Amino acid sequence: MYEVRGKLHGPNGKNLSVLTVWMTDFETGNTRFITMYPDKRRIK
């Protein structure tokens, strides 16, 4: 599993810090998106 932090930029000019979770399947080697939620840690 991997966690990736980033920012989403909205059309209203506001930014939202998010945390995404990804998982790599052992058998196929495919990486897939699991979930995304607001990140409580601020990105500067």
Protein backbone atom coordinates (compact mmCIF):
# COMPACT_ATOMS: atom_id res chain seq x y z
CA MET A 1 0.00 0.00 0.00
CA TYR A 2 1.11 3.53 -0.76
CA GLU A 3 -0.04 6.89 0.58
CA VAL A 4 0.27 9.94 -1.67
CA ARG A 5 -0.39 13.44 -0.36
CA GLY A 6 -1.30 16.32 -2.61
CA LYS A 7 -3.59 19.28 -3.20
CA LEU A 8 -6.73 19.61 -5.26
CA HIS A 9 -7.35 23.03 -6.79
CA GLY A 10 -11.03 23.91 -7.13
CA PRO A 11 -12.59 26.19 -9.74
CA ASN A 12 -13.48 28.58 -6.90
CA GLY A 13 -9.76 29.10 -6.18
CA LYS A 14 -9.73 27.09 -2.96
CA ASN A 15 -7.25 24.29 -2.28
CA LEU A 16 -7.88 21.05 -0.40
CA SER A 17 -5.06 18.93 0.99
CA VAL A 18 -5.84 15.26 0.36
CA LEU A 19 -4.38 11.86 1.12
CA THR A 20 -4.80 9.10 -1.48
CA VAL A 21 -4.25 5.40 -0.85
CA TRP A 22 -3.05 3.04 -3.60
CA MET A 23 -2.42 -0.70 -3.54
CA THR A 24 -0.28 -2.89 -5.80
CA ASP A 25 -1.70 -6.36 -6.41
CA PHE A 26 0.91 -9.03 -5.69
CA GLU A 27 -0.20 -11.45 -8.40
CA THR A 28 -0.74 -9.07 -11.33
CA GLY A 29 1.55 -6.18 -10.38
CA ASN A 30 -1.30 -3.75 -11.15
CA THR A 31 -1.58 -0.66 -8.97
CA ARG A 32 -5.07 0.61 -8.19
CA PHE A 33 -6.65 3.52 -6.41
CA ILE A 34 -8.31 2.61 -3.09
CA THR A 35 -9.57 5.82 -1.44
CA MET A 36 -9.02 9.55 -0.96
CA TYR A 37 -9.84 11.77 2.01
CA PRO A 38 -8.96 15.21 3.38
CA ASP A 39 -5.43 15.27 4.81
CA LYS A 40 -5.24 16.61 8.35
CA ARG A 41 -1.56 17.44 7.85
CA ARG A 42 -1.13 20.70 5.95
CA ILE A 43 1.08 20.77 2.86
CA LYS A 44 3.13 23.94 2.57
